[in-house]
PDB file of all heavy atoms in Angstrom:
ATOM      1  N   SER A   1    -180.807 157.598-203.293  1.00  0.00           N
ATOM      2  CA  SER A   1    -181.336 157.000-202.067  1.00  0.00           C
ATOM      3  C   SER A   1    -180.641 157.506-200.807  1.00  0.00           C
ATOM      4  O   SER A   1    -181.128 157.283-199.703  1.00  0.00           O
ATOM      5  CB  SER A   1    -181.213 155.477-202.130  1.00  0.00           C
ATOM      6  OG  SER A   1    -179.876 155.058-201.852  1.00  0.00           O
ATOM      7  N   THR A   2    -179.494 158.181-200.962  1.00  0.00           N
ATOM      8  CA  THR A   2    -178.740 158.628-199.788  1.00  0.00           C
ATOM      9  C   THR A   2    -179.205 159.991-199.276  1.00  0.00           C
ATOM     10  O   THR A   2    -178.671 160.494-198.294  1.00  0.00           O
ATOM     11  CB  THR A   2    -177.235 158.700-200.091  1.00  0.00           C
ATOM     12  OG1 THR A   2    -176.998 159.693-201.101  1.00  0.00           O
ATOM     13  CG2 THR A   2    -176.697 157.362-200.559  1.00  0.00           C
ATOM     14  N   ALA A   3    -180.171 160.612-199.958  1.00  0.00           N
ATOM     15  CA  ALA A   3    -180.681 161.904-199.482  1.00  0.00           C
ATOM     16  C   ALA A   3    -181.315 161.728-198.108  1.00  0.00           C
ATOM     17  O   ALA A   3    -181.960 160.728-197.818  1.00  0.00           O
ATOM     18  CB  ALA A   3    -181.700 162.465-200.471  1.00  0.00           C
ATOM     19  N   GLY A   4    -181.135 162.728-197.250  1.00  0.00           N
ATOM     20  CA  GLY A   4    -181.708 162.647-195.912  1.00  0.00           C
ATOM     21  C   GLY A   4    -180.839 163.372-194.906  1.00  0.00           C
ATOM     22  O   GLY A   4    -180.049 164.261-195.254  1.00  0.00           O
ATOM     23  N   GLN A   5    -180.933 162.982-193.634  1.00  0.00           N
ATOM     24  CA  GLN A   5    -180.237 163.703-192.564  1.00  0.00           C
ATOM     25  C   GLN A   5    -178.720 163.623-192.715  1.00  0.00           C
ATOM     26  O   GLN A   5    -178.017 164.598-192.450  1.00  0.00           O
ATOM     27  CB  GLN A   5    -180.645 163.143-191.200  1.00  0.00           C
ATOM     28  CG  GLN A   5    -180.042 163.898-190.019  1.00  0.00           C
ATOM     29  CD  GLN A   5    -180.382 165.379-190.028  1.00  0.00           C
ATOM     30  OE1 GLN A   5    -181.542 165.739-190.215  1.00  0.00           O
ATOM     31  NE2 GLN A   5    -179.383 166.230-189.830  1.00  0.00           N
ATOM     32  N   LEU A   6    -178.190 162.476-193.143  1.00  0.00           N
ATOM     33  CA  LEU A   6    -176.738 162.367-193.297  1.00  0.00           C
ATOM     34  C   LEU A   6    -176.228 163.308-194.386  1.00  0.00           C
ATOM     35  O   LEU A   6    -175.124 163.831-194.311  1.00  0.00           O
ATOM     36  CB  LEU A   6    -176.347 160.921-193.617  1.00  0.00           C
ATOM     37  CG  LEU A   6    -176.550 159.912-192.487  1.00  0.00           C
ATOM     38  CD1 LEU A   6    -176.236 158.498-192.974  1.00  0.00           C
ATOM     39  CD2 LEU A   6    -175.684 160.258-191.292  1.00  0.00           C
ATOM     40  N   ASP A   7    -177.040 163.523-195.402  1.00  0.00           N
ATOM     41  CA  ASP A   7    -176.726 164.474-196.454  1.00  0.00           C
ATOM     42  C   ASP A   7    -176.602 165.890-195.861  1.00  0.00           C
ATOM     43  O   ASP A   7    -175.671 166.641-196.169  1.00  0.00           O
ATOM     44  CB  ASP A   7    -177.857 164.431-197.488  1.00  0.00           C
ATOM     45  CG  ASP A   7    -177.411 164.818-198.880  1.00  0.00           C
ATOM     46  OD1 ASP A   7    -176.373 164.315-199.331  1.00  0.00           O
ATOM     47  OD2 ASP A   7    -178.098 165.631-199.513  1.00  0.00           O
ATOM     48  N   ILE A   8    -177.536 166.233-194.988  1.00  0.00           N
ATOM     49  CA  ILE A   8    -177.512 167.530-194.310  1.00  0.00           C
ATOM     50  C   ILE A   8    -176.314 167.620-193.378  1.00  0.00           C
ATOM     51  O   ILE A   8    -175.655 168.667-193.266  1.00  0.00           O
ATOM     52  CB  ILE A   8    -178.834 167.751-193.548  1.00  0.00           C
ATOM     53  CG1 ILE A   8    -179.993 167.877-194.544  1.00  0.00           C
ATOM     54  CG2 ILE A   8    -178.759 168.986-192.657  1.00  0.00           C
ATOM     55  CD1 ILE A   8    -181.367 167.872-193.896  1.00  0.00           C
ATOM     56  N   ASP A   9    -175.996 166.510-192.691  1.00  0.00           N
ATOM     57  CA  ASP A   9    -174.839 166.497-191.783  1.00  0.00           C
ATOM     58  C   ASP A   9    -173.549 166.836-192.516  1.00  0.00           C
ATOM     59  O   ASP A   9    -172.653 167.487-191.958  1.00  0.00           O
ATOM     60  CB  ASP A   9    -174.698 165.128-191.120  1.00  0.00           C
ATOM     61  CG  ASP A   9    -175.790 164.846-190.102  1.00  0.00           C
ATOM     62  OD1 ASP A   9    -176.501 165.809-189.714  1.00  0.00           O
ATOM     63  OD2 ASP A   9    -175.941 163.677-189.705  1.00  0.00           O
ATOM     64  N   CYS A  10    -173.432 166.385-193.775  1.00  0.00           N
ATOM     65  CA  CYS A  10    -172.240 166.680-194.572  1.00  0.00           C
ATOM     66  C   CYS A  10    -172.081 168.191-194.746  1.00  0.00           C
ATOM     67  O   CYS A  10    -170.993 168.741-194.542  1.00  0.00           O
ATOM     68  CB  CYS A  10    -172.336 165.992-195.931  1.00  0.00           C
ATOM     69  SG  CYS A  10    -171.094 166.509-197.131  1.00  0.00           S
ATOM     70  N   LEU A  11    -173.157 168.873-195.095  1.00  0.00           N
ATOM     71  CA  LEU A  11    -173.090 170.324-195.262  1.00  0.00           C
ATOM     72  C   LEU A  11    -172.841 171.008-193.925  1.00  0.00           C
ATOM     73  O   LEU A  11    -172.049 171.955-193.842  1.00  0.00           O
ATOM     74  CB  LEU A  11    -174.386 170.845-195.897  1.00  0.00           C
ATOM     75  CG  LEU A  11    -174.477 172.361-196.092  1.00  0.00           C
ATOM     76  CD1 LEU A  11    -173.303 172.902-196.907  1.00  0.00           C
ATOM     77  CD2 LEU A  11    -175.798 172.737-196.750  1.00  0.00           C
ATOM     78  N   ALA A  12    -173.475 170.520-192.865  1.00  0.00           N
ATOM     79  CA  ALA A  12    -173.284 171.121-191.540  1.00  0.00           C
ATOM     80  C   ALA A  12    -171.824 171.045-191.104  1.00  0.00           C
ATOM     81  O   ALA A  12    -171.256 172.007-190.563  1.00  0.00           O
ATOM     82  CB  ALA A  12    -174.176 170.421-190.519  1.00  0.00           C
ATOM     83  N   THR A  13    -171.190 169.898-191.336  1.00  0.00           N
ATOM     84  CA  THR A  13    -169.803 169.722-190.929  1.00  0.00           C
ATOM     85  C   THR A  13    -168.874 170.574-191.785  1.00  0.00           C
ATOM     86  O   THR A  13    -167.870 171.099-191.305  1.00  0.00           O
ATOM     87  CB  THR A  13    -169.404 168.238-191.034  1.00  0.00           C
ATOM     88  OG1 THR A  13    -170.393 167.447-190.399  1.00  0.00           O
ATOM     89  CG2 THR A  13    -168.067 167.990-190.357  1.00  0.00           C
ATOM     90  N   THR A  14    -169.200 170.720-193.060  1.00  0.00           N
ATOM     91  CA  THR A  14    -168.399 171.580-193.938  1.00  0.00           C
ATOM     92  C   THR A  14    -168.503 173.035-193.503  1.00  0.00           C
ATOM     93  O   THR A  14    -167.496 173.755-193.448  1.00  0.00           O
ATOM     94  CB  THR A  14    -168.871 171.423-195.390  1.00  0.00           C
ATOM     95  OG1 THR A  14    -168.766 170.050-195.772  1.00  0.00           O
ATOM     96  CG2 THR A  14    -168.043 172.277-196.338  1.00  0.00           C
ATOM     97  N   ILE A  15    -169.701 173.474-193.169  1.00  0.00           N
ATOM     98  CA  ILE A  15    -169.888 174.835-192.666  1.00  0.00           C
ATOM     99  C   ILE A  15    -169.077 175.042-191.388  1.00  0.00           C
ATOM    100  O   ILE A  15    -168.373 176.049-191.220  1.00  0.00           O
ATOM    101  CB  ILE A  15    -171.386 175.113-192.416  1.00  0.00           C
ATOM    102  CG1 ILE A  15    -172.124 175.239-193.748  1.00  0.00           C
ATOM    103  CG2 ILE A  15    -171.594 176.362-191.564  1.00  0.00           C
ATOM    104  CD1 ILE A  15    -173.640 175.306-193.612  1.00  0.00           C
ATOM    105  N   ALA A  16    -169.144 174.065-190.475  1.00  0.00           N
ATOM    106  CA  ALA A  16    -168.404 174.174-189.222  1.00  0.00           C
ATOM    107  C   ALA A  16    -166.904 174.277-189.466  1.00  0.00           C
ATOM    108  O   ALA A  16    -166.204 175.054-188.806  1.00  0.00           O
ATOM    109  CB  ALA A  16    -168.709 172.970-188.329  1.00  0.00           C
ATOM    110  N   ARG A  17    -166.410 173.514-190.435  1.00  0.00           N
ATOM    111  CA  ARG A  17    -164.971 173.567-190.698  1.00  0.00           C
ATOM    112  C   ARG A  17    -164.570 174.931-191.260  1.00  0.00           C
ATOM    113  O   ARG A  17    -163.533 175.480-190.900  1.00  0.00           O
ATOM    114  CB  ARG A  17    -164.546 172.460-191.654  1.00  0.00           C
ATOM    115  CG  ARG A  17    -163.029 172.422-191.767  1.00  0.00           C
ATOM    116  CD  ARG A  17    -162.477 171.283-192.560  1.00  0.00           C
ATOM    117  NE  ARG A  17    -161.028 171.333-192.483  1.00  0.00           N
ATOM    118  CZ  ARG A  17    -160.220 170.721-193.321  1.00  0.00           C
ATOM    119  NH1 ARG A  17    -160.714 170.000-194.302  1.00  0.00           N
ATOM    120  NH2 ARG A  17    -158.918 170.822-193.185  1.00  0.00           N
ATOM    121  N   LEU A  18    -165.375 175.476-192.137  1.00  0.00           N
ATOM    122  CA  LEU A  18    -165.042 176.784-192.705  1.00  0.00           C
ATOM    123  C   LEU A  18    -165.145 177.890-191.657  1.00  0.00           C
ATOM    124  O   LEU A  18    -164.446 178.897-191.731  1.00  0.00           O
ATOM    125  CB  LEU A  18    -165.956 177.091-193.891  1.00  0.00           C
ATOM    126  CG  LEU A  18    -165.732 176.208-195.129  1.00  0.00           C
ATOM    127  CD1 LEU A  18    -166.745 176.541-196.210  1.00  0.00           C
ATOM    128  CD2 LEU A  18    -164.309 176.351-195.666  1.00  0.00           C
ATOM    129  N   GLU A  19    -166.027 177.694-190.676  1.00  0.00           N
ATOM    130  CA  GLU A  19    -166.156 178.676-189.597  1.00  0.00           C
ATOM    131  C   GLU A  19    -164.988 178.620-188.619  1.00  0.00           C
ATOM    132  O   GLU A  19    -164.646 179.628-187.996  1.00  0.00           O
ATOM    133  CB  GLU A  19    -167.454 178.441-188.824  1.00  0.00           C
ATOM    134  CG  GLU A  19    -168.710 178.788-189.590  1.00  0.00           C
ATOM    135  CD  GLU A  19    -169.975 178.316-188.888  1.00  0.00           C
ATOM    136  OE1 GLU A  19    -169.897 177.370-188.071  1.00  0.00           O
ATOM    137  OE2 GLU A  19    -171.045 178.886-189.157  1.00  0.00           O
ATOM    138  N   THR A  20    -164.361 177.460-188.475  1.00  0.00           N
ATOM    139  CA  THR A  20    -163.387 177.286-187.393  1.00  0.00           C
ATOM    140  C   THR A  20    -161.969 176.942-187.845  1.00  0.00           C
ATOM    141  O   THR A  20    -161.022 177.139-187.092  1.00  0.00           O
ATOM    142  CB  THR A  20    -163.849 176.150-186.446  1.00  0.00           C
ATOM    143  OG1 THR A  20    -163.938 174.928-187.190  1.00  0.00           O
ATOM    144  CG2 THR A  20    -165.209 176.481-185.841  1.00  0.00           C
ATOM    145  N   ASP A  21    -161.813 176.422-189.070  1.00  0.00           N
ATOM    146  CA  ASP A  21    -160.513 175.843-189.432  1.00  0.00           C
ATOM    147  C   ASP A  21    -159.837 176.518-190.615  1.00  0.00           C
ATOM    148  O   ASP A  21    -158.714 176.166-190.970  1.00  0.00           O
ATOM    149  CB  ASP A  21    -160.690 174.342-189.737  1.00  0.00           C
ATOM    150  CG  ASP A  21    -159.362 173.608-189.871  1.00  0.00           C
ATOM    151  OD1 ASP A  21    -158.540 173.697-188.934  1.00  0.00           O
ATOM    152  OD2 ASP A  21    -159.138 172.985-190.918  1.00  0.00           O
ATOM    153  N   LEU A  22    -160.462 177.513-191.225  1.00  0.00           N
ATOM    154  CA  LEU A  22    -159.908 178.089-192.444  1.00  0.00           C
ATOM    155  C   LEU A  22    -158.549 178.738-192.198  1.00  0.00           C
ATOM    156  O   LEU A  22    -157.627 178.608-193.006  1.00  0.00           O
ATOM    157  CB  LEU A  22    -160.887 179.097-193.039  1.00  0.00           C
ATOM    158  CG  LEU A  22    -160.763 179.411-194.522  1.00  0.00           C
ATOM    159  CD1 LEU A  22    -160.726 178.147-195.366  1.00  0.00           C
ATOM    160  CD2 LEU A  22    -161.921 180.297-194.976  1.00  0.00           C
ATOM    161  N   ASP A  23    -158.411 179.424-191.067  1.00  0.00           N
ATOM    162  CA  ASP A  23    -157.124 180.050-190.778  1.00  0.00           C
ATOM    163  C   ASP A  23    -156.057 178.985-190.504  1.00  0.00           C
ATOM    164  O   ASP A  23    -154.904 179.134-190.904  1.00  0.00           O
ATOM    165  CB  ASP A  23    -157.248 180.990-189.579  1.00  0.00           C
ATOM    166  CG  ASP A  23    -156.140 182.034-189.561  1.00  0.00           C
ATOM    167  OD1 ASP A  23    -155.940 182.705-190.594  1.00  0.00           O
ATOM    168  OD2 ASP A  23    -155.469 182.164-188.526  1.00  0.00           O
ATOM    169  N   ALA A  24    -156.443 177.893-189.840  1.00  0.00           N
ATOM    170  CA  ALA A  24    -155.485 176.803-189.598  1.00  0.00           C
ATOM    171  C   ALA A  24    -155.074 176.136-190.906  1.00  0.00           C
ATOM    172  O   ALA A  24    -153.939 175.668-191.042  1.00  0.00           O
ATOM    173  CB  ALA A  24    -156.091 175.770-188.651  1.00  0.00           C
ATOM    174  N   MET A  25    -155.992 176.085-191.888  1.00  0.00           N
ATOM    175  CA  MET A  25    -155.621 175.558-193.210  1.00  0.00           C
ATOM    176  C   MET A  25    -154.506 176.396-193.818  1.00  0.00           C
ATOM    177  O   MET A  25    -153.575 175.864-194.421  1.00  0.00           O
ATOM    178  CB  MET A  25    -156.831 175.570-194.143  1.00  0.00           C
ATOM    179  CG  MET A  25    -157.857 174.502-193.888  1.00  0.00           C
ATOM    180  SD  MET A  25    -159.093 174.556-195.223  1.00  0.00           S
ATOM    181  CE  MET A  25    -160.586 174.354-194.291  1.00  0.00           C
ATOM    182  N   ARG A  26    -154.621 177.706-193.675  1.00  0.00           N
ATOM    183  CA  ARG A  26    -153.584 178.592-194.201  1.00  0.00           C
ATOM    184  C   ARG A  26    -152.264 178.367-193.464  1.00  0.00           C
ATOM    185  O   ARG A  26    -151.191 178.363-194.072  1.00  0.00           O
ATOM    186  CB  ARG A  26    -154.038 180.051-194.080  1.00  0.00           C
ATOM    187  CG  ARG A  26    -155.174 180.403-195.026  1.00  0.00           C
ATOM    188  CD  ARG A  26    -155.938 181.639-194.590  1.00  0.00           C
ATOM    189  NE  ARG A  26    -155.149 182.852-194.692  1.00  0.00           N
ATOM    190  CZ  ARG A  26    -155.170 183.677-195.732  1.00  0.00           C
ATOM    191  NH1 ARG A  26    -155.933 183.407-196.779  1.00  0.00           N
ATOM    192  NH2 ARG A  26    -154.442 184.781-195.749  1.00  0.00           N
ATOM    193  N   ALA A  27    -152.356 178.134-192.150  1.00  0.00           N
ATOM    194  CA  ALA A  27    -151.136 177.864-191.371  1.00  0.00           C
ATOM    195  C   ALA A  27    -150.497 176.556-191.820  1.00  0.00           C
ATOM    196  O   ALA A  27    -149.269 176.446-191.916  1.00  0.00           O
ATOM    197  CB  ALA A  27    -151.470 177.822-189.880  1.00  0.00           C
ATOM    198  N   ARG A  28    -151.328 175.533-192.092  1.00  0.00           N
ATOM    199  CA  ARG A  28    -150.779 174.262-192.581  1.00  0.00           C
ATOM    200  C   ARG A  28    -150.146 174.445-193.959  1.00  0.00           C
ATOM    201  O   ARG A  28    -149.090 173.872-194.248  1.00  0.00           O
ATOM    202  CB  ARG A  28    -151.884 173.202-192.648  1.00  0.00           C
ATOM    203  CG  ARG A  28    -152.215 172.564-191.312  1.00  0.00           C
ATOM    204  CD  ARG A  28    -153.112 171.359-191.479  1.00  0.00           C
ATOM    205  NE  ARG A  28    -154.444 171.736-191.904  1.00  0.00           N
ATOM    206  CZ  ARG A  28    -155.428 172.068-191.082  1.00  0.00           C
ATOM    207  NH1 ARG A  28    -155.220 172.089-189.779  1.00  0.00           N
ATOM    208  NH2 ARG A  28    -156.613 172.400-191.548  1.00  0.00           N
ATOM    209  N   ALA A  29    -150.805 175.212-194.812  1.00  0.00           N
ATOM    210  CA  ALA A  29    -150.258 175.465-196.148  1.00  0.00           C
ATOM    211  C   ALA A  29    -148.896 176.153-196.038  1.00  0.00           C
ATOM    212  O   ALA A  29    -147.942 175.806-196.740  1.00  0.00           O
ATOM    213  CB  ALA A  29    -151.227 176.327-196.958  1.00  0.00           C
TER     214      ALA A  29
END
């Protein structure tokens, strides 16, 4: 029942994080 726009938002936010934060993840590591 949770399928819908919020489901898409989850993927959108994950894509955004991989586009912008992956290098910072390495710095934190």
